[in-house]
């Protein structure tokens, strides 16, 4: 699994050779990543009571009517990125959320910083790495509108200027090359406008989170604890605090890791 992106194809329609290649890549996670994979979380219930949550139950029903943002907060190094990679691997193996989503994309937020100012369409092209991107974009937008797309944003706190995310209005000013600036209006009729103007990584991220780009898609975003940017987003939010692997989870992981190594040797 590459850091820029993981899987962005339809699991059910992938040719067997292409799917096998994707699954092989998914299995080749290094030990540090795999050792941190999280299967159980704690989620606040009511005022202070906590309950256990399995990954499979985070999005239990296909096609929720309201676009959902799930925020995963935890200290650095506890396994947030590995959790997202685990989701991608299980989806690619057709073992997780295949009835929920046709497309799952993994976005490493610090990679967006290196891309600099791009149009919304250029950002998506870099993220998806699809050779037929132009034809795929319209279909992707339609699938997002029906709740069939899941974005996994890894490390939102690493986007430059994220502390000011709450202060960026939807009608923000964005740069448009040598022509100076253009004003993005929050009540524009066509969201495709955002695909054609230059955006900073922070602005692009905000447009994803507010549904102005790929409107209707669902988002799972990881970040460090004590980040309160999401309180201003007008979507249904579920906040999770990662607690770590249970003893049973550690043993189960070790067995799966050894079995995967044996499988790769046989290949």
C-alpha atoms as a PDB file:
ATOM      1  CA  UNK A   1       0.000   0.000   0.000  1.00  0.00           C
ATOM      2  CA  UNK A   2       1.505   3.317  -1.068  1.00  0.00           C
ATOM      3  CA  UNK A   3       1.364   6.403   1.148  1.00  0.00           C
ATOM      4  CA  UNK A   4      -0.215   8.643  -1.487  1.00  0.00           C
ATOM      5  CA  UNK A   5      -3.180   6.352  -2.088  1.00  0.00           C
ATOM      6  CA  UNK A   6      -4.331   2.843  -1.566  1.00  0.00           C
ATOM      7  CA  UNK A   7      -7.297   1.453  -3.481  1.00  0.00           C
ATOM      8  CA  UNK A   8      -9.620   3.442  -5.737  1.00  0.00           C
ATOM      9  CA  UNK A   9     -11.161   0.771  -7.931  1.00  0.00           C
ATOM     10  CA  UNK A  10     -14.407  -1.162  -7.610  1.00  0.00           C
ATOM     11  CA  UNK A  11     -13.632  -4.331  -5.685  1.00  0.00           C
ATOM     12  CA  UNK A  12     -16.473  -6.214  -7.317  1.00  0.00           C
ATOM     13  CA  UNK A  13     -15.500  -5.316 -10.886  1.00  0.00           C
ATOM     14  CA  UNK A  14     -11.699  -5.571 -10.676  1.00  0.00           C
ATOM     15  CA  UNK A  15     -10.169  -8.088 -13.110  1.00  0.00           C
ATOM     16  CA  UNK A  16      -8.800 -11.053 -11.181  1.00  0.00           C
ATOM     17  CA  UNK A  17      -5.184 -10.272 -12.131  1.00  0.00           C
ATOM     18  CA  UNK A  18      -5.513  -6.640 -11.048  1.00  0.00           C
ATOM     19  CA  UNK A  19      -7.288  -7.583  -7.819  1.00  0.00           C
ATOM     20  CA  UNK A  20      -4.607 -10.164  -6.992  1.00  0.00           C
ATOM     21  CA  UNK A  21      -1.920  -7.527  -7.492  1.00  0.00           C
ATOM     22  CA  UNK A  22      -3.768  -5.130  -5.171  1.00  0.00           C
ATOM     23  CA  UNK A  23      -4.186  -7.804  -2.514  1.00  0.00           C
ATOM     24  CA  UNK A  24      -0.509  -8.735  -2.679  1.00  0.00           C
ATOM     25  CA  UNK A  25       0.398  -5.081  -2.130  1.00  0.00           C
ATOM     26  CA  UNK A  26      -2.028  -4.922   0.774  1.00  0.00           C
ATOM     27  CA  UNK A  27      -0.434  -7.914   2.467  1.00  0.00           C
ATOM     28  CA  UNK A  28       3.059  -6.397   2.233  1.00  0.00           C
ATOM     29  CA  UNK A  29       2.604  -3.939   5.075  1.00  0.00           C
ATOM     30  CA  UNK A  30       5.735  -3.734   7.178  1.00  0.00           C
ATOM     31  CA  UNK A  31       5.755  -5.155  10.690  1.00  0.00           C
ATOM     32  CA  UNK A  32       5.648  -1.774  12.416  1.00  0.00           C
ATOM     33  CA  UNK A  33       2.438  -0.867  10.593  1.00  0.00           C
ATOM     34  CA  UNK A  34       0.783  -4.230  11.038  1.00  0.00           C
ATOM     35  CA  UNK A  35       1.652  -4.396  14.733  1.00  0.00           C
ATOM     36  CA  UNK A  36      -0.349  -1.216  15.282  1.00  0.00           C
ATOM     37  CA  UNK A  37      -3.508  -2.285  13.444  1.00  0.00           C
ATOM     38  CA  UNK A  38      -6.510  -1.472  15.563  1.00  0.00           C
ATOM     39  CA  UNK A  39      -9.670  -3.571  15.628  1.00  0.00           C
ATOM     40  CA  UNK A  40     -11.380  -2.223  18.706  1.00  0.00           C
ATOM     41  CA  UNK A  41     -11.946   1.340  19.851  1.00  0.00           C
ATOM     42  CA  UNK A  42     -13.647   3.178  22.656  1.00  0.00           C
ATOM     43  CA  UNK A  43     -16.384   5.640  21.777  1.00  0.00           C
ATOM     44  CA  UNK A  44     -18.050   8.075  24.163  1.00  0.00           C
ATOM     45  CA  UNK A  45     -21.629   7.097  24.903  1.00  0.00           C
ATOM     46  CA  UNK A  46     -23.775   9.720  26.566  1.00  0.00           C
ATOM     47  CA  UNK A  47     -21.842  12.005  28.894  1.00  0.00           C
ATOM     48  CA  UNK A  48     -18.908   9.890  30.023  1.00  0.00           C
ATOM     49  CA  UNK A  49     -19.647   6.198  29.589  1.00  0.00           C
ATOM     50  CA  UNK A  50     -17.487   4.374  27.039  1.00  0.00           C
ATOM     51  CA  UNK A  51     -18.343   1.433  24.817  1.00  0.00           C
ATOM     52  CA  UNK A  52     -16.291  -0.876  22.618  1.00  0.00           C
ATOM     53  CA  UNK A  53     -16.586  -0.384  18.866  1.00  0.00           C
ATOM     54  CA  UNK A  54     -15.381  -2.738  16.142  1.00  0.00           C
ATOM     55  CA  UNK A  55     -14.132  -1.365  12.835  1.00  0.00           C
ATOM     56  CA  UNK A  56     -16.873  -3.283  11.045  1.00  0.00           C
ATOM     57  CA  UNK A  57     -19.498  -1.436  13.097  1.00  0.00           C
ATOM     58  CA  UNK A  58     -18.241   2.102  12.480  1.00  0.00           C
ATOM     59  CA  UNK A  59     -20.296   2.278   9.276  1.00  0.00           C
ATOM     60  CA  UNK A  60     -22.676  -0.670   9.694  1.00  0.00           C
ATOM     61  CA  UNK A  61     -25.364   0.218   7.152  1.00  0.00           C
ATOM     62  CA  UNK A  62     -24.993   0.819   3.400  1.00  0.00           C
ATOM     63  CA  UNK A  63     -25.639   4.303   2.125  1.00  0.00           C
ATOM     64  CA  UNK A  64     -26.462   6.469   5.171  1.00  0.00           C
ATOM     65  CA  UNK A  65     -28.748   9.286   4.091  1.00  0.00           C
ATOM     66  CA  UNK A  66     -26.554  11.932   5.736  1.00  0.00           C
ATOM     67  CA  UNK A  67     -22.870  12.257   4.726  1.00  0.00           C
ATOM     68  CA  UNK A  68     -20.854  11.279   7.771  1.00  0.00           C
ATOM     69  CA  UNK A  69     -17.477  12.429   9.059  1.00  0.00           C
ATOM     70  CA  UNK A  70     -15.895  10.136  11.636  1.00  0.00           C
ATOM     71  CA  UNK A  71     -12.952  11.651  13.480  1.00  0.00           C
ATOM     72  CA  UNK A  72     -10.346   9.381  15.053  1.00  0.00           C
ATOM     73  CA  UNK A  73      -8.268  11.152  17.698  1.00  0.00           C
ATOM     74  CA  UNK A  74      -5.190   9.643  19.317  1.00  0.00           C
ATOM     75  CA  UNK A  75      -1.587  10.496  20.272  1.00  0.00           C
ATOM     76  CA  UNK A  76       1.158  10.138  17.669  1.00  0.00           C
ATOM     77  CA  UNK A  77       2.365   6.615  16.921  1.00  0.00           C
ATOM     78  CA  UNK A  78      -0.589   4.711  18.347  1.00  0.00           C
ATOM     79  CA  UNK A  79      -1.797   3.323  15.013  1.00  0.00           C
ATOM     80  CA  UNK A  80      -4.169   5.765  13.316  1.00  0.00           C
ATOM     81  CA  UNK A  81      -2.549   5.403   9.888  1.00  0.00           C
ATOM     82  CA  UNK A  82      -2.332   1.639  10.248  1.00  0.00           C
ATOM     83  CA  UNK A  83      -6.034   1.514  11.034  1.00  0.00           C
ATOM     84  CA  UNK A  84      -6.877   3.275   7.762  1.00  0.00           C
ATOM     85  CA  UNK A  85      -4.576   0.940   5.816  1.00  0.00           C
ATOM     86  CA  UNK A  86      -6.260  -1.997   7.504  1.00  0.00           C
ATOM     87  CA  UNK A  87      -9.634  -0.705   6.299  1.00  0.00           C
ATOM     88  CA  UNK A  88      -8.296  -0.428   2.747  1.00  0.00           C
ATOM     89  CA  UNK A  89      -6.834  -3.914   2.840  1.00  0.00           C
ATOM     90  CA  UNK A  90     -10.028  -5.499   4.150  1.00  0.00           C
ATOM     91  CA  UNK A  91     -12.151  -3.614   1.608  1.00  0.00           C
ATOM     92  CA  UNK A  92      -9.799  -4.668  -1.202  1.00  0.00           C
ATOM     93  CA  UNK A  93     -10.123  -8.279  -0.015  1.00  0.00           C
ATOM     94  CA  UNK A  94     -13.919  -7.837  -0.155  1.00  0.00           C
ATOM     95  CA  UNK A  95     -14.182  -8.435   3.584  1.00  0.00           C
ATOM     96  CA  UNK A  96     -15.307  -4.986   4.740  1.00  0.00           C
ATOM     97  CA  UNK A  97     -17.953  -2.461   3.570  1.00  0.00           C
ATOM     98  CA  UNK A  98     -18.209  -3.789   0.007  1.00  0.00           C
ATOM     99  CA  UNK A  99     -21.975  -3.341   0.186  1.00  0.00           C
ATOM    100  CA  UNK A 100     -21.430   0.232   1.417  1.00  0.00           C
ATOM    101  CA  UNK A 101     -18.850   1.679  -0.985  1.00  0.00           C
ATOM    102  CA  UNK A 102     -17.750   1.363  -4.600  1.00  0.00           C
ATOM    103  CA  UNK A 103     -14.677   3.561  -4.091  1.00  0.00           C
ATOM    104  CA  UNK A 104     -12.359   3.983  -1.107  1.00  0.00           C
ATOM    105  CA  UNK A 105      -9.432   6.417  -1.361  1.00  0.00           C
ATOM    106  CA  UNK A 106      -6.594   6.850   1.139  1.00  0.00           C
ATOM    107  CA  UNK A 107      -5.153  10.383   1.305  1.00  0.00           C
ATOM    108  CA  UNK A 108      -1.988  11.162   3.256  1.00  0.00           C
ATOM    109  CA  UNK A 109      -2.464  14.795   4.255  1.00  0.00           C
ATOM    110  CA  UNK A 110       1.215  15.663   4.503  1.00  0.00           C
ATOM    111  CA  UNK A 111       1.569  14.623   0.852  1.00  0.00           C
ATOM    112  CA  UNK A 112      -0.869  17.408  -0.057  1.00  0.00           C
ATOM    113  CA  UNK A 113       1.612  19.941   1.349  1.00  0.00           C
ATOM    114  CA  UNK A 114       4.226  18.806  -1.163  1.00  0.00           C
ATOM    115  CA  UNK A 115       1.791  19.204  -4.051  1.00  0.00           C
ATOM    116  CA  UNK A 116       1.347  22.927  -3.388  1.00  0.00           C
ATOM    117  CA  UNK A 117      -1.449  24.933  -5.066  1.00  0.00           C
ATOM    118  CA  UNK A 118      -3.472  22.896  -7.567  1.00  0.00           C
ATOM    119  CA  UNK A 119      -7.015  22.923  -8.905  1.00  0.00           C
ATOM    120  CA  UNK A 120      -9.503  20.607  -7.259  1.00  0.00           C
ATOM    121  CA  UNK A 121      -9.390  18.367 -10.318  1.00  0.00           C
ATOM    122  CA  UNK A 122      -5.576  18.214 -10.209  1.00  0.00           C
ATOM    123  CA  UNK A 123      -5.617  17.249  -6.534  1.00  0.00           C
ATOM    124  CA  UNK A 124      -8.062  14.424  -7.257  1.00  0.00           C
ATOM    125  CA  UNK A 125      -5.963  13.222 -10.193  1.00  0.00           C
ATOM    126  CA  UNK A 126      -2.892  13.039  -7.936  1.00  0.00           C
ATOM    127  CA  UNK A 127      -4.852  11.194  -5.258  1.00  0.00           C
ATOM    128  CA  UNK A 128      -6.599   8.647  -7.457  1.00  0.00           C
ATOM    129  CA  UNK A 129      -3.757   7.873  -9.894  1.00  0.00           C
ATOM    130  CA  UNK A 130      -6.337   6.480 -12.318  1.00  0.00           C
ATOM    131  CA  UNK A 131      -5.194   6.321 -15.985  1.00  0.00           C
ATOM    132  CA  UNK A 132      -8.759   6.995 -17.129  1.00  0.00           C
ATOM    133  CA  UNK A 133      -9.248   9.842 -14.670  1.00  0.00           C
ATOM    134  CA  UNK A 134     -11.098  12.270 -16.967  1.00  0.00           C
ATOM    135  CA  UNK A 135     -13.822   9.738 -17.729  1.00  0.00           C
ATOM    136  CA  UNK A 136     -13.824   8.477 -14.152  1.00  0.00           C
ATOM    137  CA  UNK A 137     -14.249  11.894 -12.489  1.00  0.00           C
ATOM    138  CA  UNK A 138     -17.875  12.402 -13.506  1.00  0.00           C
ATOM    139  CA  UNK A 139     -18.784   8.879 -12.442  1.00  0.00           C
ATOM    140  CA  UNK A 140     -16.920   9.412  -9.164  1.00  0.00           C
ATOM    141  CA  UNK A 141     -18.928  12.564  -8.426  1.00  0.00           C
ATOM    142  CA  UNK A 142     -22.178  10.702  -9.104  1.00  0.00           C
ATOM    143  CA  UNK A 143     -21.186   7.848  -6.816  1.00  0.00           C
ATOM    144  CA  UNK A 144     -20.190  10.315  -4.097  1.00  0.00           C
ATOM    145  CA  UNK A 145     -23.593  11.991  -4.377  1.00  0.00           C
ATOM    146  CA  UNK A 146     -25.270   8.656  -3.603  1.00  0.00           C
ATOM    147  CA  UNK A 147     -23.019   7.915  -0.630  1.00  0.00           C
ATOM    148  CA  UNK A 148     -20.943   5.238  -2.380  1.00  0.00           C
ATOM    149  CA  UNK A 149     -17.521   6.878  -1.841  1.00  0.00           C
ATOM    150  CA  UNK A 150     -15.419   6.809   1.335  1.00  0.00           C
ATOM    151  CA  UNK A 151     -12.409   9.094   1.821  1.00  0.00           C
ATOM    152  CA  UNK A 152      -9.781   8.196   4.407  1.00  0.00           C
ATOM    153  CA  UNK A 153      -7.862  11.354   5.357  1.00  0.00           C
ATOM    154  CA  UNK A 154      -4.738  10.477   7.296  1.00  0.00           C
ATOM    155  CA  UNK A 155      -3.201  13.097   9.598  1.00  0.00           C
ATOM    156  CA  UNK A 156      -5.277  16.229   9.104  1.00  0.00           C
ATOM    157  CA  UNK A 157      -3.153  18.006  11.713  1.00  0.00           C
ATOM    158  CA  UNK A 158      -0.203  17.777   9.288  1.00  0.00           C
ATOM    159  CA  UNK A 159      -1.813  20.027   6.659  1.00  0.00           C
ATOM    160  CA  UNK A 160      -0.068  23.408   6.735  1.00  0.00           C
ATOM    161  CA  UNK A 161      -2.219  26.001   8.493  1.00  0.00           C
ATOM    162  CA  UNK A 162      -4.822  23.546   9.798  1.00  0.00           C
ATOM    163  CA  UNK A 163      -5.158  25.613  12.987  1.00  0.00           C
ATOM    164  CA  UNK A 164      -6.960  28.194  10.835  1.00  0.00           C
ATOM    165  CA  UNK A 165      -9.384  25.706   9.263  1.00  0.00           C
ATOM    166  CA  UNK A 166     -12.303  27.024  11.309  1.00  0.00           C
ATOM    167  CA  UNK A 167     -11.537  30.567  10.167  1.00  0.00           C
ATOM    168  CA  UNK A 168     -11.822  29.831   6.437  1.00  0.00           C
ATOM    169  CA  UNK A 169     -15.367  30.737   5.348  1.00  0.00           C
ATOM    170  CA  UNK A 170     -16.971  28.743   2.553  1.00  0.00           C
ATOM    171  CA  UNK A 171     -16.773  31.928   0.482  1.00  0.00           C
ATOM    172  CA  UNK A 172     -12.996  32.008   0.699  1.00  0.00           C
ATOM    173  CA  UNK A 173     -10.602  33.685  -1.718  1.00  0.00           C
ATOM    174  CA  UNK A 174      -8.429  31.311  -3.735  1.00  0.00           C
ATOM    175  CA  UNK A 175      -5.520  32.009  -6.060  1.00  0.00           C
ATOM    176  CA  UNK A 176      -5.999  31.414  -9.767  1.00  0.00           C
ATOM    177  CA  UNK A 177      -2.540  31.699 -11.292  1.00  0.00           C
ATOM    178  CA  UNK A 178      -1.545  34.865 -13.124  1.00  0.00           C
ATOM    179  CA  UNK A 179      -5.119  36.123 -13.234  1.00  0.00           C
ATOM    180  CA  UNK A 180      -4.991  37.175  -9.599  1.00  0.00           C
ATOM    181  CA  UNK A 181      -7.715  35.829  -7.345  1.00  0.00           C
ATOM    182  CA  UNK A 182     -11.287  34.636  -7.587  1.00  0.00           C
ATOM    183  CA  UNK A 183     -13.936  34.604  -4.903  1.00  0.00           C
ATOM    184  CA  UNK A 184     -15.512  31.231  -4.167  1.00  0.00           C
ATOM    185  CA  UNK A 185     -19.120  31.691  -3.120  1.00  0.00           C
ATOM    186  CA  UNK A 186     -20.721  29.162  -0.792  1.00  0.00           C
ATOM    187  CA  UNK A 187     -23.988  29.337  -2.739  1.00  0.00           C
ATOM    188  CA  UNK A 188     -22.620  28.648  -6.220  1.00  0.00           C
ATOM    189  CA  UNK A 189     -24.945  26.444  -8.224  1.00  0.00           C
ATOM    190  CA  UNK A 190     -22.252  24.195  -9.680  1.00  0.00           C
ATOM    191  CA  UNK A 191     -19.751  22.499  -7.392  1.00  0.00           C
ATOM    192  CA  UNK A 192     -17.616  21.778 -10.485  1.00  0.00           C
ATOM    193  CA  UNK A 193     -16.380  25.362 -10.099  1.00  0.00           C
ATOM    194  CA  UNK A 194     -14.128  24.161  -7.299  1.00  0.00           C
ATOM    195  CA  UNK A 195     -12.484  21.666  -9.647  1.00  0.00           C
ATOM    196  CA  UNK A 196     -11.121  24.405 -11.908  1.00  0.00           C
ATOM    197  CA  UNK A 197      -9.621  27.020  -9.560  1.00  0.00           C
ATOM    198  CA  UNK A 198      -6.310  26.934  -7.730  1.00  0.00           C
ATOM    199  CA  UNK A 199      -6.573  25.826  -4.103  1.00  0.00           C
ATOM    200  CA  UNK A 200      -4.098  25.492  -1.276  1.00  0.00           C
ATOM    201  CA  UNK A 201      -3.902  22.050   0.380  1.00  0.00           C
ATOM    202  CA  UNK A 202      -5.817  23.496   3.351  1.00  0.00           C
ATOM    203  CA  UNK A 203      -8.586  24.887   1.130  1.00  0.00           C
ATOM    204  CA  UNK A 204      -8.847  21.607  -0.773  1.00  0.00           C
ATOM    205  CA  UNK A 205      -9.121  19.701   2.502  1.00  0.00           C
ATOM    206  CA  UNK A 206     -11.825  22.040   3.761  1.00  0.00           C
ATOM    207  CA  UNK A 207     -13.836  21.595   0.558  1.00  0.00           C
ATOM    208  CA  UNK A 208     -13.657  17.807   0.963  1.00  0.00           C
ATOM    209  CA  UNK A 209     -14.777  17.998   4.590  1.00  0.00           C
ATOM    210  CA  UNK A 210     -17.679  20.334   3.851  1.00  0.00           C
ATOM    211  CA  UNK A 211     -18.882  18.384   0.820  1.00  0.00           C
ATOM    212  CA  UNK A 212     -18.105  21.121  -1.709  1.00  0.00           C
ATOM    213  CA  UNK A 213     -15.918  18.630  -3.604  1.00  0.00           C
ATOM    214  CA  UNK A 214     -17.259  15.083  -3.995  1.00  0.00           C
ATOM    215  CA  UNK A 215     -20.398  16.131  -2.147  1.00  0.00           C
ATOM    216  CA  UNK A 216     -22.196  13.258  -0.437  1.00  0.00           C
ATOM    217  CA  UNK A 217     -19.110  11.153   0.230  1.00  0.00           C
ATOM    218  CA  UNK A 218     -18.321   9.837   3.688  1.00  0.00           C
ATOM    219  CA  UNK A 219     -15.064  10.662   5.452  1.00  0.00           C
ATOM    220  CA  UNK A 220     -12.947   9.069   8.156  1.00  0.00           C
ATOM    221  CA  UNK A 221     -10.253  11.512   9.265  1.00  0.00           C
ATOM    222  CA  UNK A 222      -7.435  10.955  11.753  1.00  0.00           C
ATOM    223  CA  UNK A 223      -5.692  13.647  13.758  1.00  0.00           C
ATOM    224  CA  UNK A 224      -3.979  14.277  17.069  1.00  0.00           C
ATOM    225  CA  UNK A 225      -6.046  14.716  20.205  1.00  0.00           C
ATOM    226  CA  UNK A 226      -7.496  18.057  21.294  1.00  0.00           C
ATOM    227  CA  UNK A 227      -8.195  19.200  17.715  1.00  0.00           C
ATOM    228  CA  UNK A 228     -11.536  21.008  17.732  1.00  0.00           C
ATOM    229  CA  UNK A 229     -11.720  22.047  14.056  1.00  0.00           C
ATOM    230  CA  UNK A 230     -14.484  19.518  13.369  1.00  0.00           C
ATOM    231  CA  UNK A 231     -16.972  21.202  15.714  1.00  0.00           C
ATOM    232  CA  UNK A 232     -17.737  23.807  13.044  1.00  0.00           C
ATOM    233  CA  UNK A 233     -18.430  21.313  10.252  1.00  0.00           C
ATOM    234  CA  UNK A 234     -22.065  20.952   9.321  1.00  0.00           C
ATOM    235  CA  UNK A 235     -22.181  17.184   9.039  1.00  0.00           C
ATOM    236  CA  UNK A 236     -23.005  14.399  11.452  1.00  0.00           C
ATOM    237  CA  UNK A 237     -19.841  13.623  13.415  1.00  0.00           C
ATOM    238  CA  UNK A 238     -18.790  10.576  15.384  1.00  0.00           C
ATOM    239  CA  UNK A 239     -15.638  11.013  17.467  1.00  0.00           C
ATOM    240  CA  UNK A 240     -13.542   8.003  18.474  1.00  0.00           C
ATOM    241  CA  UNK A 241     -10.559   7.772  20.802  1.00  0.00           C
ATOM    242  CA  UNK A 242      -8.209   4.893  19.961  1.00  0.00           C
ATOM    243  CA  UNK A 243      -7.341   2.920  23.082  1.00  0.00           C
ATOM    244  CA  UNK A 244      -5.163   0.193  21.523  1.00  0.00           C
ATOM    245  CA  UNK A 245      -5.224  -3.523  20.812  1.00  0.00           C
ATOM    246  CA  UNK A 246      -6.838  -5.926  23.249  1.00  0.00           C
ATOM    247  CA  UNK A 247      -4.852  -8.985  24.365  1.00  0.00           C
ATOM    248  CA  UNK A 248      -7.008 -11.122  22.097  1.00  0.00           C
ATOM    249  CA  UNK A 249      -6.378  -8.713  19.229  1.00  0.00           C
ATOM    250  CA  UNK A 250      -2.595  -8.961  19.648  1.00  0.00           C
ATOM    251  CA  UNK A 251      -2.658 -12.768  19.520  1.00  0.00           C
ATOM    252  CA  UNK A 252      -5.007 -12.757  16.538  1.00  0.00           C
ATOM    253  CA  UNK A 253      -2.776 -10.285  14.708  1.00  0.00           C
ATOM    254  CA  UNK A 254       0.381 -12.361  15.253  1.00  0.00           C
ATOM    255  CA  UNK A 255      -1.291 -15.460  13.820  1.00  0.00           C
ATOM    256  CA  UNK A 256      -2.571 -13.562  10.777  1.00  0.00           C
ATOM    257  CA  UNK A 257       0.833 -11.972  10.166  1.00  0.00           C
ATOM    258  CA  UNK A 258       2.635 -15.334  10.254  1.00  0.00           C
ATOM    259  CA  UNK A 259       0.038 -16.892   7.952  1.00  0.00           C
ATOM    260  CA  UNK A 260       0.412 -13.995   5.493  1.00  0.00           C
ATOM    261  CA  UNK A 261       4.205 -14.473   5.430  1.00  0.00           C
ATOM    262  CA  UNK A 262       3.744 -18.168   4.663  1.00  0.00           C
ATOM    263  CA  UNK A 263       1.311 -17.299   1.867  1.00  0.00           C
ATOM    264  CA  UNK A 264       3.782 -14.858   0.287  1.00  0.00           C
ATOM    265  CA  UNK A 265       6.559 -17.464   0.348  1.00  0.00           C
ATOM    266  CA  UNK A 266       4.297 -19.929  -1.454  1.00  0.00           C
ATOM    267  CA  UNK A 267       3.617 -17.293  -4.124  1.00  0.00           C
END
